[in-house]
Amino acid sequence: MADTPKKPTSFDVARLAGVHRSQVSRALSGQGRMSDDTRQKVIDSARQLGYRVNFLARSLQSRSSGLVGIVASRLDTPYRATQVRAAAREFLANGFTPILVTAEGGEDQSGLVERLLNYSVSGMMITSGTPSNSIIDECAQLNVPVVLINRNAALEGADHVLIDVDAAGQLAFDMLVERGGQRFAVLQPRDRTYSVLGRASAFSDRCRAAGYCVDVLEVDSQDYDAGLAAADGFVQQSMADSVFCTTDLLALGFLDGLRVRHGVSIPDQVQVLGFDDIPQAAWLSNSLSTIWQASEDAATEAVNLILERITDPTRPHETFHIPLRPVHRGTTRKTRP
């Protein structure tokens, strides 16, 4: 049996390039000062020998893997895909390699966080579910920064990036009532995440506080099909003339159900308002009025919070509120002159 070829080492690269071994590491990681000629000589030598840096082995020595974790679900939705892409881009730009772990099912994502800790991640961003207090405490003991996006702000030991759910509910109410809304409804998914439930509840509270009735219509999920199905029940059960859908995908399904299946005139008979401002909301066939939340800004801020806490683990925990903005298109009425 032929002997297995010996893998090249950093010593071999240094010998071929005519440099010190320490310069090999700096050249291939893009860190440290050296001339462009020297860096290129090392890169060419490594390529010639077939040498690649074993970052996992290096992490055992340095106790810093350069890896960061992203826990996310609903990657098939435009909002989440945009957010995760922006976070990955920011991590890579700052010299970290993201590990994406998909979270489906229950709210407690402690098992996924434990798995990331086994890879000695330098930090993690959690966009789905909520880890237990004990796992957050363990992360703190290991000096692993955790940022939660649109999770319950009452959870201590982590930085938070989230929308102000009360402000979101107030904005949705204002956008509909200023366009002539008199009778209101809200589509509230049964898979109740913190931010979706929060803005739905805040909207209902604002309606009631202003003396209006509001129908709370539960739907199976936050996606297009749930909105499509909700339109059937709505035309039979509700007299609302203004409907707040807690996600854009829900709103787009609801719109198609009203228009295509039931011939409802939008916005003359029913106004429809979404939330997120995904790209599809602006398509001419949809022209969905919605509330924009800055998904890329949220991801960038989450990355910055992780980087800052890596540098200074003792700094006070922060809460960053994601900016919101009203976007009126064709599914809300024109303002009265």
C-alpha atoms as a PDB file:
ATOM      1  CA  MET A   1       0.000   0.000   0.000  1.00  0.00           C
ATOM      2  CA  ALA A   2       1.388   3.382  -0.981  1.00  0.00           C
ATOM      3  CA  ASP A   3       2.233   5.775   1.821  1.00  0.00           C
ATOM      4  CA  THR A   4      -0.187   8.652   2.322  1.00  0.00           C
ATOM      5  CA  PRO A   5       1.460  11.847   1.069  1.00  0.00           C
ATOM      6  CA  LYS A   6       2.594  14.098   3.896  1.00  0.00           C
ATOM      7  CA  LYS A   7       0.581  17.284   4.186  1.00  0.00           C
ATOM      8  CA  PRO A   8       2.605  20.460   3.690  1.00  0.00           C
ATOM      9  CA  THR A   9       3.190  22.602   6.785  1.00  0.00           C
ATOM     10  CA  SER A  10       3.751  26.293   7.387  1.00  0.00           C
ATOM     11  CA  PHE A  11       7.473  25.466   7.743  1.00  0.00           C
ATOM     12  CA  ASP A  12       7.461  24.129   4.173  1.00  0.00           C
ATOM     13  CA  VAL A  13       5.771  27.289   2.901  1.00  0.00           C
ATOM     14  CA  ALA A  14       8.227  29.502   4.786  1.00  0.00           C
ATOM     15  CA  ARG A  15      11.196  27.565   3.391  1.00  0.00           C
ATOM     16  CA  LEU A  16       9.937  27.820  -0.201  1.00  0.00           C
ATOM     17  CA  ALA A  17       9.040  31.503   0.130  1.00  0.00           C
ATOM     18  CA  GLY A  18      12.264  32.351   1.932  1.00  0.00           C
ATOM     19  CA  VAL A  19      10.525  33.969   4.906  1.00  0.00           C
ATOM     20  CA  HIS A  20      10.120  33.340   8.628  1.00  0.00           C
ATOM     21  CA  ARG A  21       7.314  30.968   9.647  1.00  0.00           C
ATOM     22  CA  SER A  22       5.467  33.751  11.501  1.00  0.00           C
ATOM     23  CA  GLN A  23       5.141  35.667   8.235  1.00  0.00           C
ATOM     24  CA  VAL A  24       3.269  32.758   6.668  1.00  0.00           C
ATOM     25  CA  SER A  25       0.460  33.043   9.180  1.00  0.00           C
ATOM     26  CA  ARG A  26       0.254  36.816   8.853  1.00  0.00           C
ATOM     27  CA  ALA A  27       0.302  36.727   5.054  1.00  0.00           C
ATOM     28  CA  LEU A  28      -2.420  34.098   4.716  1.00  0.00           C
ATOM     29  CA  SER A  29      -4.688  35.671   7.333  1.00  0.00           C
ATOM     30  CA  GLY A  30      -4.340  39.155   5.831  1.00  0.00           C
ATOM     31  CA  GLN A  31      -3.116  40.513   9.161  1.00  0.00           C
ATOM     32  CA  GLY A  32       0.100  42.225  10.109  1.00  0.00           C
ATOM     33  CA  ARG A  33       2.382  44.492   8.127  1.00  0.00           C
ATOM     34  CA  MET A  34       4.520  43.254   5.255  1.00  0.00           C
ATOM     35  CA  SER A  35       5.273  44.256   1.711  1.00  0.00           C
ATOM     36  CA  ASP A  36       2.897  43.273  -1.062  1.00  0.00           C
ATOM     37  CA  ASP A  37       5.730  41.331  -2.726  1.00  0.00           C
ATOM     38  CA  THR A  38       6.367  39.252   0.396  1.00  0.00           C
ATOM     39  CA  ARG A  39       2.674  38.559   0.930  1.00  0.00           C
ATOM     40  CA  GLN A  40       2.257  37.448  -2.684  1.00  0.00           C
ATOM     41  CA  LYS A  41       5.368  35.263  -2.462  1.00  0.00           C
ATOM     42  CA  VAL A  42       3.878  33.455   0.546  1.00  0.00           C
ATOM     43  CA  ILE A  43       0.489  33.056  -1.150  1.00  0.00           C
ATOM     44  CA  ASP A  44       2.113  31.668  -4.308  1.00  0.00           C
ATOM     45  CA  SER A  45       4.243  29.232  -2.278  1.00  0.00           C
ATOM     46  CA  ALA A  46       1.238  28.008  -0.303  1.00  0.00           C
ATOM     47  CA  ARG A  47      -0.731  27.481  -3.499  1.00  0.00           C
ATOM     48  CA  GLN A  48       2.172  25.616  -5.109  1.00  0.00           C
ATOM     49  CA  LEU A  49       2.437  23.245  -2.129  1.00  0.00           C
ATOM     50  CA  GLY A  50      -1.300  22.879  -1.644  1.00  0.00           C
ATOM     51  CA  TYR A  51      -1.091  24.298   1.873  1.00  0.00           C
ATOM     52  CA  ARG A  52      -4.149  25.652   3.673  1.00  0.00           C
ATOM     53  CA  VAL A  53      -4.423  27.095   7.165  1.00  0.00           C
ATOM     54  CA  ASN A  54      -6.217  24.844   9.673  1.00  0.00           C
ATOM     55  CA  PHE A  55      -8.169  27.490  11.555  1.00  0.00           C
ATOM     56  CA  LEU A  56      -9.837  24.966  13.884  1.00  0.00           C
ATOM     57  CA  ALA A  57      -6.457  23.659  15.021  1.00  0.00           C
ATOM     58  CA  ARG A  58      -5.249  27.212  15.497  1.00  0.00           C
ATOM     59  CA  SER A  59      -8.265  27.981  17.675  1.00  0.00           C
ATOM     60  CA  LEU A  60      -7.208  25.279  20.153  1.00  0.00           C
ATOM     61  CA  GLN A  61      -3.976  27.179  20.697  1.00  0.00           C
ATOM     62  CA  SER A  62      -5.287  30.747  20.640  1.00  0.00           C
ATOM     63  CA  ARG A  63      -8.740  30.034  22.205  1.00  0.00           C
ATOM     64  CA  SER A  64     -10.170  32.284  19.515  1.00  0.00           C
ATOM     65  CA  SER A  65     -11.648  30.525  16.514  1.00  0.00           C
ATOM     66  CA  GLY A  66     -12.614  33.566  14.469  1.00  0.00           C
ATOM     67  CA  LEU A  67     -16.006  31.897  14.072  1.00  0.00           C
ATOM     68  CA  VAL A  68     -19.325  33.541  14.900  1.00  0.00           C
ATOM     69  CA  GLY A  69     -22.728  31.911  15.071  1.00  0.00           C
ATOM     70  CA  ILE A  70     -25.991  32.992  13.448  1.00  0.00           C
ATOM     71  CA  VAL A  71     -29.171  31.261  14.637  1.00  0.00           C
ATOM     72  CA  ALA A  72     -32.054  31.923  12.245  1.00  0.00           C
ATOM     73  CA  SER A  73     -35.280  30.434  10.916  1.00  0.00           C
ATOM     74  CA  ARG A  74     -37.629  31.231   8.013  1.00  0.00           C
ATOM     75  CA  LEU A  75     -34.715  31.597   5.614  1.00  0.00           C
ATOM     76  CA  ASP A  76     -37.189  31.239   2.754  1.00  0.00           C
ATOM     77  CA  THR A  77     -38.710  34.628   3.633  1.00  0.00           C
ATOM     78  CA  PRO A  78     -37.312  37.777   1.999  1.00  0.00           C
ATOM     79  CA  TYR A  79     -36.975  39.687   5.272  1.00  0.00           C
ATOM     80  CA  ARG A  80     -34.936  37.021   7.059  1.00  0.00           C
ATOM     81  CA  ALA A  81     -32.824  36.247   3.995  1.00  0.00           C
ATOM     82  CA  THR A  82     -31.891  39.928   3.653  1.00  0.00           C
ATOM     83  CA  GLN A  83     -31.048  40.173   7.347  1.00  0.00           C
ATOM     84  CA  VAL A  84     -28.855  37.060   7.430  1.00  0.00           C
ATOM     85  CA  ARG A  85     -27.062  38.044   4.221  1.00  0.00           C
ATOM     86  CA  ALA A  86     -26.282  41.489   5.655  1.00  0.00           C
ATOM     87  CA  ALA A  87     -24.988  40.001   8.915  1.00  0.00           C
ATOM     88  CA  ALA A  88     -22.764  37.494   7.104  1.00  0.00           C
ATOM     89  CA  ARG A  89     -21.361  40.258   4.920  1.00  0.00           C
ATOM     90  CA  GLU A  90     -20.518  42.410   7.967  1.00  0.00           C
ATOM     91  CA  PHE A  91     -18.893  39.537   9.844  1.00  0.00           C
ATOM     92  CA  LEU A  92     -16.732  38.614   6.848  1.00  0.00           C
ATOM     93  CA  ALA A  93     -15.728  42.241   6.336  1.00  0.00           C
ATOM     94  CA  ASN A  94     -14.487  42.292   9.920  1.00  0.00           C
ATOM     95  CA  GLY A  95     -12.435  39.119   9.648  1.00  0.00           C
ATOM     96  CA  PHE A  96     -14.900  36.630  11.158  1.00  0.00           C
ATOM     97  CA  THR A  97     -16.361  33.516   9.548  1.00  0.00           C
ATOM     98  CA  PRO A  98     -20.094  33.010  10.208  1.00  0.00           C
ATOM     99  CA  ILE A  99     -21.654  29.620  10.948  1.00  0.00           C
ATOM    100  CA  LEU A 100     -25.363  29.540  10.103  1.00  0.00           C
ATOM    101  CA  VAL A 101     -27.580  27.239  12.171  1.00  0.00           C
ATOM    102  CA  THR A 102     -31.210  26.977  11.129  1.00  0.00           C
ATOM    103  CA  ALA A 103     -33.782  26.981  13.912  1.00  0.00           C
ATOM    104  CA  GLU A 104     -37.196  25.467  13.347  1.00  0.00           C
ATOM    105  CA  GLY A 105     -39.866  24.490  15.826  1.00  0.00           C
ATOM    106  CA  GLY A 106     -39.967  25.635  19.440  1.00  0.00           C
ATOM    107  CA  GLU A 107     -38.911  28.918  20.947  1.00  0.00           C
ATOM    108  CA  ASP A 108     -36.108  27.533  23.159  1.00  0.00           C
ATOM    109  CA  GLN A 109     -32.962  27.394  21.022  1.00  0.00           C
ATOM    110  CA  SER A 110     -30.581  26.439  23.848  1.00  0.00           C
ATOM    111  CA  GLY A 111     -29.520  23.224  22.109  1.00  0.00           C
ATOM    112  CA  LEU A 112     -28.377  25.124  19.031  1.00  0.00           C
ATOM    113  CA  VAL A 113     -26.500  27.629  21.162  1.00  0.00           C
ATOM    114  CA  GLU A 114     -24.769  24.761  22.984  1.00  0.00           C
ATOM    115  CA  ARG A 115     -23.704  23.333  19.640  1.00  0.00           C
ATOM    116  CA  LEU A 116     -22.193  26.650  18.586  1.00  0.00           C
ATOM    117  CA  LEU A 117     -20.317  26.904  21.889  1.00  0.00           C
ATOM    118  CA  ASN A 118     -18.678  23.562  21.065  1.00  0.00           C
ATOM    119  CA  TYR A 119     -16.988  25.333  18.140  1.00  0.00           C
ATOM    120  CA  SER A 120     -15.538  28.054  20.401  1.00  0.00           C
ATOM    121  CA  VAL A 121     -17.419  30.793  18.580  1.00  0.00           C
ATOM    122  CA  SER A 122     -16.344  34.337  19.367  1.00  0.00           C
ATOM    123  CA  GLY A 123     -19.956  35.554  19.498  1.00  0.00           C
ATOM    124  CA  MET A 124     -23.431  34.788  18.235  1.00  0.00           C
ATOM    125  CA  MET A 125     -26.472  36.530  16.798  1.00  0.00           C
ATOM    126  CA  ILE A 126     -29.871  34.955  17.463  1.00  0.00           C
ATOM    127  CA  THR A 127     -32.815  35.987  15.290  1.00  0.00           C
ATOM    128  CA  SER A 128     -35.209  33.124  16.061  1.00  0.00           C
ATOM    129  CA  GLY A 129     -36.405  31.589  19.284  1.00  0.00           C
ATOM    130  CA  THR A 130     -35.114  32.542  22.704  1.00  0.00           C
ATOM    131  CA  PRO A 131     -32.368  30.708  24.607  1.00  0.00           C
ATOM    132  CA  SER A 132     -32.855  29.991  28.294  1.00  0.00           C
ATOM    133  CA  ASN A 133     -31.450  32.221  31.014  1.00  0.00           C
ATOM    134  CA  SER A 134     -29.024  29.473  31.985  1.00  0.00           C
ATOM    135  CA  ILE A 135     -27.507  29.247  28.507  1.00  0.00           C
ATOM    136  CA  ILE A 136     -27.174  33.039  28.335  1.00  0.00           C
ATOM    137  CA  ASP A 137     -25.366  32.911  31.692  1.00  0.00           C
ATOM    138  CA  GLU A 138     -23.056  30.213  30.342  1.00  0.00           C
ATOM    139  CA  CYS A 139     -22.226  32.386  27.322  1.00  0.00           C
ATOM    140  CA  ALA A 140     -21.397  35.269  29.665  1.00  0.00           C
ATOM    141  CA  GLN A 141     -19.105  33.049  31.749  1.00  0.00           C
ATOM    142  CA  LEU A 142     -17.294  32.003  28.566  1.00  0.00           C
ATOM    143  CA  ASN A 143     -17.048  35.638  27.376  1.00  0.00           C
ATOM    144  CA  VAL A 144     -19.118  34.823  24.282  1.00  0.00           C
ATOM    145  CA  PRO A 145     -21.196  37.898  23.352  1.00  0.00           C
ATOM    146  CA  VAL A 146     -24.834  37.250  22.437  1.00  0.00           C
ATOM    147  CA  VAL A 147     -27.079  39.645  20.527  1.00  0.00           C
ATOM    148  CA  LEU A 148     -30.798  38.889  20.272  1.00  0.00           C
ATOM    149  CA  ILE A 149     -32.757  40.371  17.352  1.00  0.00           C
ATOM    150  CA  ASN A 150     -36.454  41.046  17.966  1.00  0.00           C
ATOM    151  CA  ARG A 151     -36.517  38.855  21.056  1.00  0.00           C
ATOM    152  CA  ASN A 152     -37.945  39.691  24.478  1.00  0.00           C
ATOM    153  CA  ALA A 153     -35.966  42.619  25.876  1.00  0.00           C
ATOM    154  CA  ALA A 154     -36.594  41.392  29.419  1.00  0.00           C
ATOM    155  CA  LEU A 155     -34.015  38.625  28.907  1.00  0.00           C
ATOM    156  CA  GLU A 156     -30.872  39.799  30.694  1.00  0.00           C
ATOM    157  CA  GLY A 157     -27.256  39.048  29.911  1.00  0.00           C
ATOM    158  CA  ALA A 158     -27.421  39.879  26.196  1.00  0.00           C
ATOM    159  CA  ASP A 159     -27.525  42.902  23.933  1.00  0.00           C
ATOM    160  CA  HIS A 160     -30.782  43.502  22.068  1.00  0.00           C
ATOM    161  CA  VAL A 161     -31.682  44.798  18.612  1.00  0.00           C
ATOM    162  CA  LEU A 162     -35.448  45.077  18.253  1.00  0.00           C
ATOM    163  CA  ILE A 163     -38.383  47.124  17.102  1.00  0.00           C
ATOM    164  CA  ASP A 164     -40.374  49.183  19.575  1.00  0.00           C
ATOM    165  CA  VAL A 165     -43.577  47.127  19.392  1.00  0.00           C
ATOM    166  CA  ASP A 166     -45.678  49.887  20.949  1.00  0.00           C
ATOM    167  CA  ALA A 167     -44.426  52.391  18.379  1.00  0.00           C
ATOM    168  CA  ALA A 168     -45.112  49.866  15.602  1.00  0.00           C
ATOM    169  CA  GLY A 169     -48.705  49.362  16.747  1.00  0.00           C
ATOM    170  CA  GLN A 170     -49.260  53.095  17.043  1.00  0.00           C
ATOM    171  CA  LEU A 171     -47.819  53.740  13.580  1.00  0.00           C
ATOM    172  CA  ALA A 172     -50.029  51.067  11.988  1.00  0.00           C
ATOM    173  CA  PHE A 173     -53.120  52.560  13.631  1.00  0.00           C
ATOM    174  CA  ASP A 174     -52.188  56.105  12.581  1.00  0.00           C
ATOM    175  CA  MET A 175     -51.555  55.073   8.965  1.00  0.00           C
ATOM    176  CA  LEU A 176     -54.994  53.475   8.640  1.00  0.00           C
ATOM    177  CA  VAL A 177     -57.076  55.969  10.586  1.00  0.00           C
ATOM    178  CA  GLU A 178     -55.607  58.984   8.792  1.00  0.00           C
ATOM    179  CA  ARG A 179     -56.706  57.391   5.497  1.00  0.00           C
ATOM    180  CA  GLY A 180     -60.314  57.091   6.646  1.00  0.00           C
ATOM    181  CA  GLY A 181     -60.324  53.810   8.545  1.00  0.00           C
ATOM    182  CA  GLN A 182     -63.364  53.335  10.811  1.00  0.00           C
ATOM    183  CA  ARG A 183     -63.551  49.595  11.516  1.00  0.00           C
ATOM    184  CA  PHE A 184     -60.353  47.656  12.095  1.00  0.00           C
ATOM    185  CA  ALA A 185     -58.992  44.118  12.068  1.00  0.00           C
ATOM    186  CA  VAL A 186     -55.568  42.580  12.660  1.00  0.00           C
ATOM    187  CA  LEU A 187     -54.251  39.251  11.374  1.00  0.00           C
ATOM    188  CA  GLN A 188     -52.389  37.616  14.255  1.00  0.00           C
ATOM    189  CA  PRO A 189     -50.410  34.398  13.604  1.00  0.00           C
ATOM    190  CA  ARG A 190     -50.728  31.507  16.031  1.00  0.00           C
ATOM    191  CA  ASP A 191     -46.950  30.963  15.891  1.00  0.00           C
ATOM    192  CA  ARG A 192     -46.494  33.965  18.127  1.00  0.00           C
ATOM    193  CA  THR A 193     -43.015  35.400  18.064  1.00  0.00           C
ATOM    194  CA  TYR A 194     -42.215  38.260  20.406  1.00  0.00           C
ATOM    195  CA  SER A 195     -42.184  41.061  17.840  1.00  0.00           C
ATOM    196  CA  VAL A 196     -45.166  39.850  15.763  1.00  0.00           C
ATOM    197  CA  LEU A 197     -47.384  39.308  18.792  1.00  0.00           C
ATOM    198  CA  GLY A 198     -46.172  42.577  20.300  1.00  0.00           C
ATOM    199  CA  ARG A 199     -47.080  44.747  17.343  1.00  0.00           C
ATOM    200  CA  ALA A 200     -50.431  42.983  16.853  1.00  0.00           C
ATOM    201  CA  SER A 201     -51.344  43.509  20.503  1.00  0.00           C
ATOM    202  CA  ALA A 202     -50.169  47.124  20.451  1.00  0.00           C
ATOM    203  CA  PHE A 203     -52.295  47.827  17.366  1.00  0.00           C
ATOM    204  CA  SER A 204     -55.382  46.332  19.013  1.00  0.00           C
ATOM    205  CA  ASP A 205     -54.750  48.361  22.168  1.00  0.00           C
ATOM    206  CA  ARG A 206     -54.471  51.606  20.169  1.00  0.00           C
ATOM    207  CA  CYS A 207     -57.737  50.910  18.356  1.00  0.00           C
ATOM    208  CA  ARG A 208     -59.616  50.262  21.581  1.00  0.00           C
ATOM    209  CA  ALA A 209     -58.029  53.238  23.351  1.00  0.00           C
ATOM    210  CA  ALA A 210     -59.302  55.487  20.542  1.00  0.00           C
ATOM    211  CA  GLY A 211     -62.822  54.087  20.858  1.00  0.00           C
ATOM    212  CA  TYR A 212     -62.787  51.770  17.828  1.00  0.00           C
ATOM    213  CA  CYS A 213     -63.720  48.116  17.638  1.00  0.00           C
ATOM    214  CA  VAL A 214     -61.056  45.746  16.350  1.00  0.00           C
ATOM    215  CA  ASP A 215     -61.400  42.156  15.138  1.00  0.00           C
ATOM    216  CA  VAL A 216     -58.451  39.932  16.072  1.00  0.00           C
ATOM    217  CA  LEU A 217     -58.321  37.235  13.383  1.00  0.00           C
ATOM    218  CA  GLU A 218     -55.978  34.357  14.181  1.00  0.00           C
ATOM    219  CA  VAL A 219     -54.166  32.767  11.243  1.00  0.00           C
ATOM    220  CA  ASP A 220     -52.034  29.633  11.071  1.00  0.00           C
ATOM    221  CA  SER A 221     -48.678  31.279  10.340  1.00  0.00           C
ATOM    222  CA  GLN A 222     -46.939  34.397   9.047  1.00  0.00           C
ATOM    223  CA  ASP A 223     -46.733  33.393   5.387  1.00  0.00           C
ATOM    224  CA  TYR A 224     -48.551  33.959   2.098  1.00  0.00           C
ATOM    225  CA  ASP A 225     -50.754  30.849   2.259  1.00  0.00           C
ATOM    226  CA  ALA A 226     -52.041  31.800   5.705  1.00  0.00           C
ATOM    227  CA  GLY A 227     -53.021  35.229   4.403  1.00  0.00           C
ATOM    228  CA  LEU A 228     -54.751  33.705   1.393  1.00  0.00           C
ATOM    229  CA  ALA A 229     -56.808  31.419   3.631  1.00  0.00           C
ATOM    230  CA  ALA A 230     -57.591  34.268   6.029  1.00  0.00           C
ATOM    231  CA  ALA A 231     -59.324  36.225   3.266  1.00  0.00           C
ATOM    232  CA  ASP A 232     -62.053  33.563   3.048  1.00  0.00           C
ATOM    233  CA  GLY A 233     -62.931  33.860   6.710  1.00  0.00           C
ATOM    234  CA  PHE A 234     -62.619  37.627   6.689  1.00  0.00           C
ATOM    235  CA  VAL A 235     -65.310  38.238   4.056  1.00  0.00           C
ATOM    236  CA  GLN A 236     -67.720  36.009   5.988  1.00  0.00           C
ATOM    237  CA  GLN A 237     -67.014  37.190   9.535  1.00  0.00           C
ATOM    238  CA  SER A 238     -65.653  40.748   9.588  1.00  0.00           C
ATOM    239  CA  MET A 239     -67.057  44.143   8.687  1.00  0.00           C
ATOM    240  CA  ALA A 240     -63.663  45.844   8.979  1.00  0.00           C
ATOM    241  CA  ASP A 241     -62.638  48.389   6.353  1.00  0.00           C
ATOM    242  CA  SER A 242     -58.962  48.515   7.421  1.00  0.00           C
ATOM    243  CA  VAL A 243     -56.761  45.495   8.123  1.00  0.00           C
ATOM    244  CA  PHE A 244     -53.276  45.380   9.642  1.00  0.00           C
ATOM    245  CA  CYS A 245     -51.334  42.278   8.595  1.00  0.00           C
ATOM    246  CA  THR A 246     -48.346  41.691  10.864  1.00  0.00           C
ATOM    247  CA  THR A 247     -46.007  40.653   8.006  1.00  0.00           C
ATOM    248  CA  ASP A 248     -45.858  41.559   4.326  1.00  0.00           C
ATOM    249  CA  LEU A 249     -46.092  37.931   3.188  1.00  0.00           C
ATOM    250  CA  LEU A 250     -49.290  37.574   5.193  1.00  0.00           C
ATOM    251  CA  ALA A 251     -50.591  40.797   3.657  1.00  0.00           C
ATOM    252  CA  LEU A 252     -49.780  39.715   0.087  1.00  0.00           C
ATOM    253  CA  GLY A 253     -51.699  36.462   0.496  1.00  0.00           C
ATOM    254  CA  PHE A 254     -54.594  38.326   2.101  1.00  0.00           C
ATOM    255  CA  LEU A 255     -54.625  40.829  -0.779  1.00  0.00           C
ATOM    256  CA  ASP A 256     -54.751  38.119  -3.429  1.00  0.00           C
ATOM    257  CA  GLY A 257     -57.534  36.341  -1.573  1.00  0.00           C
ATOM    258  CA  LEU A 258     -59.653  39.488  -1.356  1.00  0.00           C
ATOM    259  CA  ARG A 259     -59.018  40.633  -4.926  1.00  0.00           C
ATOM    260  CA  VAL A 260     -58.935  37.377  -6.871  1.00  0.00           C
ATOM    261  CA  ARG A 261     -61.250  35.089  -4.923  1.00  0.00           C
ATOM    262  CA  HIS A 262     -63.791  37.575  -3.642  1.00  0.00           C
ATOM    263  CA  GLY A 263     -63.636  40.596  -5.951  1.00  0.00           C
ATOM    264  CA  VAL A 264     -63.071  43.072  -3.113  1.00  0.00           C
ATOM    265  CA  SER A 265     -62.021  46.548  -4.272  1.00  0.00           C
ATOM    266  CA  ILE A 266     -58.725  47.581  -2.659  1.00  0.00           C
ATOM    267  CA  PRO A 267     -58.466  50.110  -1.044  1.00  0.00           C
ATOM    268  CA  ASP A 268     -61.998  51.461  -1.615  1.00  0.00           C
ATOM    269  CA  GLN A 269     -63.752  48.696   0.285  1.00  0.00           C
ATOM    270  CA  VAL A 270     -60.878  47.436   2.429  1.00  0.00           C
ATOM    271  CA  GLN A 271     -57.490  48.983   3.197  1.00  0.00           C
ATOM    272  CA  VAL A 272     -54.625  46.542   3.764  1.00  0.00           C
ATOM    273  CA  LEU A 273     -51.384  47.373   5.582  1.00  0.00           C
ATOM    274  CA  GLY A 274     -48.359  45.096   5.866  1.00  0.00           C
ATOM    275  CA  PHE A 275     -45.163  45.161   7.894  1.00  0.00           C
ATOM    276  CA  ASP A 276     -41.468  44.760   6.883  1.00  0.00           C
ATOM    277  CA  ASP A 277     -41.395  46.344   3.385  1.00  0.00           C
ATOM    278  CA  ILE A 278     -39.929  43.338   1.596  1.00  0.00           C
ATOM    279  CA  PRO A 279     -39.035  43.903  -2.094  1.00  0.00           C
ATOM    280  CA  GLN A 280     -42.220  42.171  -3.291  1.00  0.00           C
ATOM    281  CA  ALA A 281     -44.348  44.789  -1.506  1.00  0.00           C
ATOM    282  CA  ALA A 282     -43.272  47.402  -4.065  1.00  0.00           C
ATOM    283  CA  TRP A 283     -44.037  45.250  -7.118  1.00  0.00           C
ATOM    284  CA  LEU A 284     -46.597  47.000  -9.305  1.00  0.00           C
ATOM    285  CA  SER A 285     -49.038  44.095  -9.097  1.00  0.00           C
ATOM    286  CA  ASN A 286     -48.998  44.368  -5.290  1.00  0.00           C
ATOM    287  CA  SER A 287     -48.287  48.034  -4.474  1.00  0.00           C
ATOM    288  CA  LEU A 288     -48.639  47.141  -0.797  1.00  0.00           C
ATOM    289  CA  SER A 289     -48.727  49.894   1.801  1.00  0.00           C
ATOM    290  CA  THR A 290     -46.555  48.797   4.689  1.00  0.00           C
ATOM    291  CA  ILE A 291     -44.230  49.740   7.526  1.00  0.00           C
ATOM    292  CA  TRP A 292     -40.543  49.590   6.673  1.00  0.00           C
ATOM    293  CA  GLN A 293     -38.194  48.168   9.262  1.00  0.00           C
ATOM    294  CA  ALA A 294     -34.480  48.409   8.601  1.00  0.00           C
ATOM    295  CA  SER A 295     -33.452  44.744   8.314  1.00  0.00           C
ATOM    296  CA  GLU A 296     -29.922  45.499   7.093  1.00  0.00           C
ATOM    297  CA  ASP A 297     -29.415  48.204   9.726  1.00  0.00           C
ATOM    298  CA  ALA A 298     -30.510  45.720  12.383  1.00  0.00           C
ATOM    299  CA  ALA A 299     -27.973  43.166  11.173  1.00  0.00           C
ATOM    300  CA  THR A 300     -25.176  45.740  11.002  1.00  0.00           C
ATOM    301  CA  GLU A 301     -25.940  46.988  14.502  1.00  0.00           C
ATOM    302  CA  ALA A 302     -25.999  43.419  15.843  1.00  0.00           C
ATOM    303  CA  VAL A 303     -22.559  42.743  14.366  1.00  0.00           C
ATOM    304  CA  ASN A 304     -21.214  46.012  15.791  1.00  0.00           C
ATOM    305  CA  LEU A 305     -22.524  45.134  19.254  1.00  0.00           C
ATOM    306  CA  ILE A 306     -20.784  41.758  19.104  1.00  0.00           C
ATOM    307  CA  LEU A 307     -17.498  43.306  17.957  1.00  0.00           C
ATOM    308  CA  GLU A 308     -17.643  45.962  20.663  1.00  0.00           C
ATOM    309  CA  ARG A 309     -18.300  43.376  23.364  1.00  0.00           C
ATOM    310  CA  ILE A 310     -15.428  41.203  22.133  1.00  0.00           C
ATOM    311  CA  THR A 311     -13.202  44.246  22.627  1.00  0.00           C
ATOM    312  CA  ASP A 312     -14.755  45.248  25.965  1.00  0.00           C
ATOM    313  CA  PRO A 313     -16.653  42.389  27.672  1.00  0.00           C
ATOM    314  CA  THR A 314     -17.493  44.547  30.717  1.00  0.00           C
ATOM    315  CA  ARG A 315     -19.389  47.283  28.899  1.00  0.00           C
ATOM    316  CA  PRO A 316     -23.067  47.728  29.876  1.00  0.00           C
ATOM    317  CA  HIS A 317     -25.610  45.834  27.798  1.00  0.00           C
ATOM    318  CA  GLU A 318     -27.411  47.894  25.163  1.00  0.00           C
ATOM    319  CA  THR A 319     -30.778  47.896  23.413  1.00  0.00           C
ATOM    320  CA  PHE A 320     -30.929  49.293  19.878  1.00  0.00           C
ATOM    321  CA  HIS A 321     -34.360  50.090  18.432  1.00  0.00           C
ATOM    322  CA  ILE A 322     -34.725  49.307  14.735  1.00  0.00           C
ATOM    323  CA  PRO A 323     -35.950  52.354  12.769  1.00  0.00           C
ATOM    324  CA  LEU A 324     -39.506  52.228  11.379  1.00  0.00           C
ATOM    325  CA  ARG A 325     -41.007  54.275   8.553  1.00  0.00           C
ATOM    326  CA  PRO A 326     -44.502  54.460   7.002  1.00  0.00           C
ATOM    327  CA  VAL A 327     -44.732  53.506   3.327  1.00  0.00           C
ATOM    328  CA  HIS A 328     -48.040  54.352   1.628  1.00  0.00           C
ATOM    329  CA  ARG A 329     -48.664  52.704  -1.734  1.00  0.00           C
ATOM    330  CA  GLY A 330     -51.838  51.507  -3.405  1.00  0.00           C
ATOM    331  CA  THR A 331     -53.547  49.477  -0.681  1.00  0.00           C
ATOM    332  CA  THR A 332     -54.367  52.457   1.548  1.00  0.00           C
ATOM    333  CA  ARG A 333     -56.609  55.303   0.455  1.00  0.00           C
ATOM    334  CA  LYS A 334     -55.491  58.764  -0.575  1.00  0.00           C
ATOM    335  CA  THR A 335     -55.538  61.415   2.112  1.00  0.00           C
ATOM    336  CA  ARG A 336     -58.569  63.630   2.074  1.00  0.00           C
ATOM    337  CA  PRO A 337     -57.956  67.138   0.655  1.00  0.00           C
END
